Amino acid sequence: MNTVDQDSRLILNCEWHGTVPYSDGLALQNERAEAVRKNGTRGSLLLLEHPPVLTDGRFGKGGNFVVPEDEIRRRGVEVHRTGRGGDVTFHGPGQLVSYPVISLRDFGLGARAYVRALEETIIRTLGDYGIEGARKEGYPGVWTDGGKIASIGVAVRGGVTMHGSALNVNTDLSYFSLIIPCGIPGVIVTSMQEILGKKLDVRDVAMIYARNFGEVLGAEVVIWDDAFPGS
């Protein structure tokens, strides 16, 4: 799935930020998005992990928390209302969070095609590890035979994207018991570690994800040396 002619590739900066508090990650997205909207700055692919946090999307409205929010916070998990699409989900250590900040107009994409591009990037990344990922009609994200492995929730303002996807690499899946993940009753959540039976380096998965993201969008992804030490 290449959405842009190879001869007219755009350039994206890819940045690995390690573990970033959710509020700081949101501020970073806002900063990059404002630069793209006002100055035509090239887009960014922000890759990171978050400390334990539950984020509720525009469709959630707090209705899919299984445990009272006060108790959730007592367990050391932050709770944030967000402007992205989708319902409630968990972010935490061992999960690759991807925040592309791009102008959809530059890539000739609408919102729906963009979500499918994010799904395709995850499916290809899983495939590189021998895991078969697939879409499920009516449920944005990526699924495996063992359950849902990645969630997607985006926001588009002034034609520029924010938020993005979360791929469970080595994620502690017990946190998902605090919620009805993505507002889907009975959903089973899995991870790459659970499927493969071994722990993976999230940074290594991020490098592969970045390559696949560039191929799907037909973009040249420039990886900052200080963002991916040793790359």
C-alpha atoms as a PDB file:
ATOM      1  CA  MET A   1       0.000   0.000   0.000  1.00  0.00           C
ATOM      2  CA  ASN A   2       1.960   3.023  -1.229  1.00  0.00           C
ATOM      3  CA  THR A   3      -0.082   6.191  -1.205  1.00  0.00           C
ATOM      4  CA  VAL A   4       2.480   8.535  -2.795  1.00  0.00           C
ATOM      5  CA  ASP A   5       4.430   8.148  -6.046  1.00  0.00           C
ATOM      6  CA  GLN A   6       7.995   7.048  -5.321  1.00  0.00           C
ATOM      7  CA  ASP A   7       9.426   9.884  -7.429  1.00  0.00           C
ATOM      8  CA  SER A   8       7.747  12.561  -5.316  1.00  0.00           C
ATOM      9  CA  ARG A   9       8.557  11.294  -1.847  1.00  0.00           C
ATOM     10  CA  LEU A  10       8.131  13.626   1.078  1.00  0.00           C
ATOM     11  CA  ILE A  11      10.482  13.686   4.037  1.00  0.00           C
ATOM     12  CA  LEU A  12       9.530  12.946   7.638  1.00  0.00           C
ATOM     13  CA  ASN A  13      11.645  13.339  10.731  1.00  0.00           C
ATOM     14  CA  CYS A  14      11.539  10.275  12.973  1.00  0.00           C
ATOM     15  CA  GLU A  15      12.251  10.815  16.662  1.00  0.00           C
ATOM     16  CA  TRP A  16      12.610   8.192  19.385  1.00  0.00           C
ATOM     17  CA  HIS A  17      11.909   9.800  22.763  1.00  0.00           C
ATOM     18  CA  GLY A  18      12.018   6.830  25.128  1.00  0.00           C
ATOM     19  CA  THR A  19       9.622   7.044  28.081  1.00  0.00           C
ATOM     20  CA  VAL A  20       7.651  10.303  28.132  1.00  0.00           C
ATOM     21  CA  PRO A  21       4.817  11.337  30.495  1.00  0.00           C
ATOM     22  CA  TYR A  22       1.529  11.569  28.628  1.00  0.00           C
ATOM     23  CA  SER A  23       1.109  15.331  29.142  1.00  0.00           C
ATOM     24  CA  ASP A  24       4.636  15.965  27.823  1.00  0.00           C
ATOM     25  CA  GLY A  25       3.942  13.808  24.781  1.00  0.00           C
ATOM     26  CA  LEU A  26       0.781  15.795  24.088  1.00  0.00           C
ATOM     27  CA  ALA A  27       2.678  19.085  24.396  1.00  0.00           C
ATOM     28  CA  LEU A  28       5.300  17.785  21.968  1.00  0.00           C
ATOM     29  CA  GLN A  29       2.604  16.868  19.450  1.00  0.00           C
ATOM     30  CA  ASN A  30       0.979  20.286  19.758  1.00  0.00           C
ATOM     31  CA  GLU A  31       4.333  21.974  19.181  1.00  0.00           C
ATOM     32  CA  ARG A  32       5.095  19.923  16.062  1.00  0.00           C
ATOM     33  CA  ALA A  33       1.547  20.309  14.702  1.00  0.00           C
ATOM     34  CA  GLU A  34       1.608  24.082  15.099  1.00  0.00           C
ATOM     35  CA  ALA A  35       4.900  24.229  13.180  1.00  0.00           C
ATOM     36  CA  VAL A  36       3.443  22.160  10.332  1.00  0.00           C
ATOM     37  CA  ARG A  37       0.257  24.263  10.137  1.00  0.00           C
ATOM     38  CA  LYS A  38       1.901  27.707  10.375  1.00  0.00           C
ATOM     39  CA  ASN A  39       5.306  27.248   8.824  1.00  0.00           C
ATOM     40  CA  GLY A  40       4.915  24.272   6.523  1.00  0.00           C
ATOM     41  CA  THR A  41       7.569  22.438   8.538  1.00  0.00           C
ATOM     42  CA  ARG A  42       8.139  18.842   7.480  1.00  0.00           C
ATOM     43  CA  GLY A  43       6.110  16.292   9.396  1.00  0.00           C
ATOM     44  CA  SER A  44       7.336  14.231  12.314  1.00  0.00           C
ATOM     45  CA  LEU A  45       6.964  10.637  13.432  1.00  0.00           C
ATOM     46  CA  LEU A  46       7.188  10.647  17.230  1.00  0.00           C
ATOM     47  CA  LEU A  47       7.874   7.226  18.728  1.00  0.00           C
ATOM     48  CA  LEU A  48       7.876   6.658  22.476  1.00  0.00           C
ATOM     49  CA  GLU A  49       6.570   4.829  25.521  1.00  0.00           C
ATOM     50  CA  HIS A  50       4.405   6.240  28.303  1.00  0.00           C
ATOM     51  CA  PRO A  51       4.297   5.555  32.039  1.00  0.00           C
ATOM     52  CA  PRO A  52       0.997   3.816  32.962  1.00  0.00           C
ATOM     53  CA  VAL A  53      -1.923   5.951  31.775  1.00  0.00           C
ATOM     54  CA  LEU A  54      -5.516   5.474  30.660  1.00  0.00           C
ATOM     55  CA  THR A  55      -6.687   7.791  27.902  1.00  0.00           C
ATOM     56  CA  ASP A  56     -10.341   8.242  27.049  1.00  0.00           C
ATOM     57  CA  GLY A  57     -11.270   9.304  23.522  1.00  0.00           C
ATOM     58  CA  ARG A  58     -14.168  11.385  22.253  1.00  0.00           C
ATOM     59  CA  PHE A  59     -16.482   8.376  22.130  1.00  0.00           C
ATOM     60  CA  GLY A  60     -15.672   7.033  25.585  1.00  0.00           C
ATOM     61  CA  LYS A  61     -16.954   9.715  27.964  1.00  0.00           C
ATOM     62  CA  GLY A  62     -15.822   7.690  30.964  1.00  0.00           C
ATOM     63  CA  GLY A  63     -18.375   4.969  30.401  1.00  0.00           C
ATOM     64  CA  ASN A  64     -15.951   2.067  30.000  1.00  0.00           C
ATOM     65  CA  PHE A  65     -13.938   2.256  33.203  1.00  0.00           C
ATOM     66  CA  VAL A  66     -14.374  -0.964  35.211  1.00  0.00           C
ATOM     67  CA  VAL A  67     -12.678   0.455  38.321  1.00  0.00           C
ATOM     68  CA  PRO A  68     -13.491   3.886  39.846  1.00  0.00           C
ATOM     69  CA  GLU A  69     -11.079   6.575  38.675  1.00  0.00           C
ATOM     70  CA  ASP A  70      -9.927   7.368  42.224  1.00  0.00           C
ATOM     71  CA  GLU A  71      -8.894   3.734  42.644  1.00  0.00           C
ATOM     72  CA  ILE A  72      -7.156   3.761  39.269  1.00  0.00           C
ATOM     73  CA  ARG A  73      -5.091   6.759  40.326  1.00  0.00           C
ATOM     74  CA  ARG A  74      -4.282   5.117  43.670  1.00  0.00           C
ATOM     75  CA  ARG A  75      -2.777   2.275  41.679  1.00  0.00           C
ATOM     76  CA  GLY A  76      -0.358   4.721  40.060  1.00  0.00           C
ATOM     77  CA  VAL A  77      -2.149   5.040  36.739  1.00  0.00           C
ATOM     78  CA  GLU A  78      -2.925   8.486  35.324  1.00  0.00           C
ATOM     79  CA  VAL A  79      -6.248   9.227  33.627  1.00  0.00           C
ATOM     80  CA  HIS A  80      -6.537  11.700  30.751  1.00  0.00           C
ATOM     81  CA  ARG A  81      -9.442  12.837  28.592  1.00  0.00           C
ATOM     82  CA  THR A  82      -8.241  13.378  25.031  1.00  0.00           C
ATOM     83  CA  GLY A  83      -9.423  14.890  21.769  1.00  0.00           C
ATOM     84  CA  ARG A  84      -8.694  11.808  19.693  1.00  0.00           C
ATOM     85  CA  GLY A  85     -11.232   9.469  18.208  1.00  0.00           C
ATOM     86  CA  GLY A  86     -12.029   6.139  19.769  1.00  0.00           C
ATOM     87  CA  ASP A  87     -12.761   4.983  23.293  1.00  0.00           C
ATOM     88  CA  VAL A  88     -10.671   4.276  26.372  1.00  0.00           C
ATOM     89  CA  THR A  89      -7.336   2.469  26.125  1.00  0.00           C
ATOM     90  CA  PHE A  90      -4.178   1.889  28.145  1.00  0.00           C
ATOM     91  CA  HIS A  91      -0.651   3.106  27.451  1.00  0.00           C
ATOM     92  CA  GLY A  92       2.338   1.951  29.429  1.00  0.00           C
ATOM     93  CA  PRO A  93       5.885   0.597  29.487  1.00  0.00           C
ATOM     94  CA  GLY A  94       6.610  -1.986  26.837  1.00  0.00           C
ATOM     95  CA  GLN A  95       4.135  -0.473  24.404  1.00  0.00           C
ATOM     96  CA  LEU A  96       5.240   1.302  21.224  1.00  0.00           C
ATOM     97  CA  VAL A  97       3.240   4.513  20.892  1.00  0.00           C
ATOM     98  CA  SER A  98       3.358   6.240  17.511  1.00  0.00           C
ATOM     99  CA  TYR A  99       2.345   9.884  17.065  1.00  0.00           C
ATOM    100  CA  PRO A 100       2.685  10.920  13.424  1.00  0.00           C
ATOM    101  CA  VAL A 101       2.267  14.673  12.984  1.00  0.00           C
ATOM    102  CA  ILE A 102       1.733  15.189   9.261  1.00  0.00           C
ATOM    103  CA  SER A 103      -0.300  17.245   6.818  1.00  0.00           C
ATOM    104  CA  LEU A 104      -2.798  14.874   5.222  1.00  0.00           C
ATOM    105  CA  ARG A 105      -2.986  17.192   2.243  1.00  0.00           C
ATOM    106  CA  ASP A 106       0.706  16.628   1.528  1.00  0.00           C
ATOM    107  CA  PHE A 107       0.065  12.904   1.215  1.00  0.00           C
ATOM    108  CA  GLY A 108      -3.262  13.160  -0.570  1.00  0.00           C
ATOM    109  CA  LEU A 109      -4.979  11.290   2.247  1.00  0.00           C
ATOM    110  CA  GLY A 110      -8.353  11.567   3.906  1.00  0.00           C
ATOM    111  CA  ALA A 111      -8.865  10.595   7.534  1.00  0.00           C
ATOM    112  CA  ARG A 112     -10.156   7.095   6.757  1.00  0.00           C
ATOM    113  CA  ALA A 113      -7.304   6.297   4.373  1.00  0.00           C
ATOM    114  CA  TYR A 114      -4.856   7.593   6.979  1.00  0.00           C
ATOM    115  CA  VAL A 115      -6.220   5.207   9.626  1.00  0.00           C
ATOM    116  CA  ARG A 116      -5.853   2.349   7.172  1.00  0.00           C
ATOM    117  CA  ALA A 117      -2.255   3.425   6.549  1.00  0.00           C
ATOM    118  CA  LEU A 118      -1.554   3.222  10.288  1.00  0.00           C
ATOM    119  CA  GLU A 119      -3.105  -0.244  10.379  1.00  0.00           C
ATOM    120  CA  GLU A 120      -1.025  -1.311   7.392  1.00  0.00           C
ATOM    121  CA  THR A 121       2.163  -0.072   9.074  1.00  0.00           C
ATOM    122  CA  ILE A 122       1.431  -2.187  12.158  1.00  0.00           C
ATOM    123  CA  ILE A 123       0.460  -5.236  10.079  1.00  0.00           C
ATOM    124  CA  ARG A 124       3.764  -5.033   8.184  1.00  0.00           C
ATOM    125  CA  THR A 125       5.725  -4.556  11.409  1.00  0.00           C
ATOM    126  CA  LEU A 126       4.101  -7.610  12.972  1.00  0.00           C
ATOM    127  CA  GLY A 127       4.813  -9.538   9.790  1.00  0.00           C
ATOM    128  CA  ASP A 128       8.510  -8.758  10.148  1.00  0.00           C
ATOM    129  CA  TYR A 129       8.354 -10.683  13.431  1.00  0.00           C
ATOM    130  CA  GLY A 130       6.376 -13.571  11.980  1.00  0.00           C
ATOM    131  CA  ILE A 131       3.046 -12.469  13.480  1.00  0.00           C
ATOM    132  CA  GLU A 132      -0.050 -12.314  11.302  1.00  0.00           C
ATOM    133  CA  GLY A 133      -2.031  -9.157  11.956  1.00  0.00           C
ATOM    134  CA  ALA A 134      -5.360  -8.226  10.402  1.00  0.00           C
ATOM    135  CA  ARG A 135      -8.084  -5.605  10.365  1.00  0.00           C
ATOM    136  CA  LYS A 136     -11.546  -6.221  11.778  1.00  0.00           C
ATOM    137  CA  GLU A 137     -14.372  -4.448   9.968  1.00  0.00           C
ATOM    138  CA  GLY A 138     -15.880  -1.691  12.086  1.00  0.00           C
ATOM    139  CA  TYR A 139     -13.138  -1.797  14.723  1.00  0.00           C
ATOM    140  CA  PRO A 140     -10.082   0.382  14.005  1.00  0.00           C
ATOM    141  CA  GLY A 141      -6.842  -1.230  15.122  1.00  0.00           C
ATOM    142  CA  VAL A 142      -5.001  -4.466  14.443  1.00  0.00           C
ATOM    143  CA  TRP A 143      -5.987  -7.955  15.552  1.00  0.00           C
ATOM    144  CA  THR A 144      -4.347 -11.375  15.747  1.00  0.00           C
ATOM    145  CA  ASP A 145      -5.729 -14.845  16.383  1.00  0.00           C
ATOM    146  CA  GLY A 146      -4.870 -14.240  20.047  1.00  0.00           C
ATOM    147  CA  GLY A 147      -6.731 -10.941  20.335  1.00  0.00           C
ATOM    148  CA  LYS A 148      -6.340  -7.247  19.711  1.00  0.00           C
ATOM    149  CA  ILE A 149      -2.706  -6.200  19.634  1.00  0.00           C
ATOM    150  CA  ALA A 150      -2.838  -2.541  18.601  1.00  0.00           C
ATOM    151  CA  SER A 151      -5.246   0.358  19.057  1.00  0.00           C
ATOM    152  CA  ILE A 152      -5.663   3.434  16.879  1.00  0.00           C
ATOM    153  CA  GLY A 153      -7.188   6.795  17.699  1.00  0.00           C
ATOM    154  CA  VAL A 154      -6.438   9.960  15.763  1.00  0.00           C
ATOM    155  CA  ALA A 155      -7.344  13.616  15.649  1.00  0.00           C
ATOM    156  CA  VAL A 156      -7.054  15.955  12.664  1.00  0.00           C
ATOM    157  CA  ARG A 157      -7.000  19.729  13.134  1.00  0.00           C
ATOM    158  CA  GLY A 158      -6.383  22.098  10.272  1.00  0.00           C
ATOM    159  CA  GLY A 159      -5.500  19.096   8.136  1.00  0.00           C
ATOM    160  CA  VAL A 160      -2.679  18.040  10.492  1.00  0.00           C
ATOM    161  CA  THR A 161      -2.741  14.760  12.411  1.00  0.00           C
ATOM    162  CA  MET A 162      -2.185  14.119  16.102  1.00  0.00           C
ATOM    163  CA  HIS A 163      -2.372  11.048  18.351  1.00  0.00           C
ATOM    164  CA  GLY A 164      -1.971   7.777  16.451  1.00  0.00           C
ATOM    165  CA  SER A 165      -1.422   4.139  17.406  1.00  0.00           C
ATOM    166  CA  ALA A 166      -0.274   1.925  20.264  1.00  0.00           C
ATOM    167  CA  LEU A 167       1.277  -1.498  19.625  1.00  0.00           C
ATOM    168  CA  ASN A 168       1.579  -3.910  22.541  1.00  0.00           C
ATOM    169  CA  VAL A 169       5.144  -5.195  22.478  1.00  0.00           C
ATOM    170  CA  ASN A 170       5.968  -6.243  26.060  1.00  0.00           C
ATOM    171  CA  THR A 171       3.003  -4.501  27.665  1.00  0.00           C
ATOM    172  CA  ASP A 172       1.736  -5.619  31.087  1.00  0.00           C
ATOM    173  CA  LEU A 173      -1.708  -6.686  29.896  1.00  0.00           C
ATOM    174  CA  SER A 174      -3.175  -6.781  33.413  1.00  0.00           C
ATOM    175  CA  TYR A 175      -3.723  -3.016  33.205  1.00  0.00           C
ATOM    176  CA  PHE A 176      -6.411  -3.586  30.584  1.00  0.00           C
ATOM    177  CA  SER A 177      -8.566  -5.177  33.289  1.00  0.00           C
ATOM    178  CA  LEU A 178      -9.210  -1.640  34.592  1.00  0.00           C
ATOM    179  CA  ILE A 179     -11.274  -0.831  31.507  1.00  0.00           C
ATOM    180  CA  ILE A 180     -13.347  -2.246  28.691  1.00  0.00           C
ATOM    181  CA  PRO A 181     -10.603  -1.801  26.075  1.00  0.00           C
ATOM    182  CA  CYS A 182     -11.742   0.397  23.205  1.00  0.00           C
ATOM    183  CA  GLY A 183     -15.289   0.013  24.532  1.00  0.00           C
ATOM    184  CA  ILE A 184     -15.588  -3.512  23.100  1.00  0.00           C
ATOM    185  CA  PRO A 185     -17.180  -5.901  25.650  1.00  0.00           C
ATOM    186  CA  GLY A 186     -15.372  -9.210  25.958  1.00  0.00           C
ATOM    187  CA  VAL A 187     -12.371  -8.135  23.894  1.00  0.00           C
ATOM    188  CA  ILE A 188      -9.140 -10.060  24.479  1.00  0.00           C
ATOM    189  CA  VAL A 189      -5.912  -8.053  24.381  1.00  0.00           C
ATOM    190  CA  THR A 190      -2.571  -9.585  23.495  1.00  0.00           C
ATOM    191  CA  SER A 191       1.038  -8.544  22.896  1.00  0.00           C
ATOM    192  CA  MET A 192       3.989  -9.494  20.727  1.00  0.00           C
ATOM    193  CA  GLN A 193       5.692 -10.940  23.801  1.00  0.00           C
ATOM    194  CA  GLU A 194       2.700 -13.121  24.607  1.00  0.00           C
ATOM    195  CA  ILE A 195       2.522 -14.455  21.043  1.00  0.00           C
ATOM    196  CA  LEU A 196       6.262 -15.001  20.555  1.00  0.00           C
ATOM    197  CA  GLY A 197       7.032 -16.147  24.088  1.00  0.00           C
ATOM    198  CA  LYS A 198       9.928 -13.729  24.451  1.00  0.00           C
ATOM    199  CA  LYS A 199      10.594 -10.121  25.363  1.00  0.00           C
ATOM    200  CA  LEU A 200      11.494  -7.687  22.594  1.00  0.00           C
ATOM    201  CA  ASP A 201      13.409  -4.414  22.555  1.00  0.00           C
ATOM    202  CA  VAL A 202      10.784  -1.701  21.999  1.00  0.00           C
ATOM    203  CA  ARG A 203      13.367   0.558  20.375  1.00  0.00           C
ATOM    204  CA  ASP A 204      14.172  -2.162  17.808  1.00  0.00           C
ATOM    205  CA  VAL A 205      10.460  -2.538  17.030  1.00  0.00           C
ATOM    206  CA  ALA A 206      10.275   1.257  16.685  1.00  0.00           C
ATOM    207  CA  MET A 207      13.026   1.239  14.047  1.00  0.00           C
ATOM    208  CA  ILE A 208      11.147  -1.355  12.000  1.00  0.00           C
ATOM    209  CA  TYR A 209       7.875   0.524  12.470  1.00  0.00           C
ATOM    210  CA  ALA A 210       9.517   3.740  11.186  1.00  0.00           C
ATOM    211  CA  ARG A 211      10.760   2.005   8.054  1.00  0.00           C
ATOM    212  CA  ASN A 212       7.336   0.512   7.349  1.00  0.00           C
ATOM    213  CA  PHE A 213       5.577   3.813   7.990  1.00  0.00           C
ATOM    214  CA  GLY A 214       7.764   5.470   5.365  1.00  0.00           C
ATOM    215  CA  GLU A 215       7.107   2.706   2.845  1.00  0.00           C
ATOM    216  CA  VAL A 216       3.343   2.820   3.371  1.00  0.00           C
ATOM    217  CA  LEU A 217       3.166   6.595   2.964  1.00  0.00           C
ATOM    218  CA  GLY A 218       5.798   6.731   0.233  1.00  0.00           C
ATOM    219  CA  ALA A 219       7.915   9.028   2.398  1.00  0.00           C
ATOM    220  CA  GLU A 220      11.607   9.206   3.173  1.00  0.00           C
ATOM    221  CA  VAL A 221      11.958   8.814   6.934  1.00  0.00           C
ATOM    222  CA  VAL A 222      14.989  10.593   8.346  1.00  0.00           C
ATOM    223  CA  ILE A 223      15.996   9.114  11.684  1.00  0.00           C
ATOM    224  CA  TRP A 224      17.705  11.591  13.972  1.00  0.00           C
ATOM    225  CA  ASP A 225      21.022  10.184  15.192  1.00  0.00           C
ATOM    226  CA  ASP A 226      20.454  11.522  18.715  1.00  0.00           C
ATOM    227  CA  ALA A 227      16.913  10.158  18.679  1.00  0.00           C
ATOM    228  CA  PHE A 228      18.025   6.599  17.897  1.00  0.00           C
ATOM    229  CA  PRO A 229      21.475   6.283  19.502  1.00  0.00           C
ATOM    230  CA  GLY A 230      23.573   3.730  17.686  1.00  0.00           C
ATOM    231  CA  SER A 231      21.372   3.719  14.588  1.00  0.00           C
END
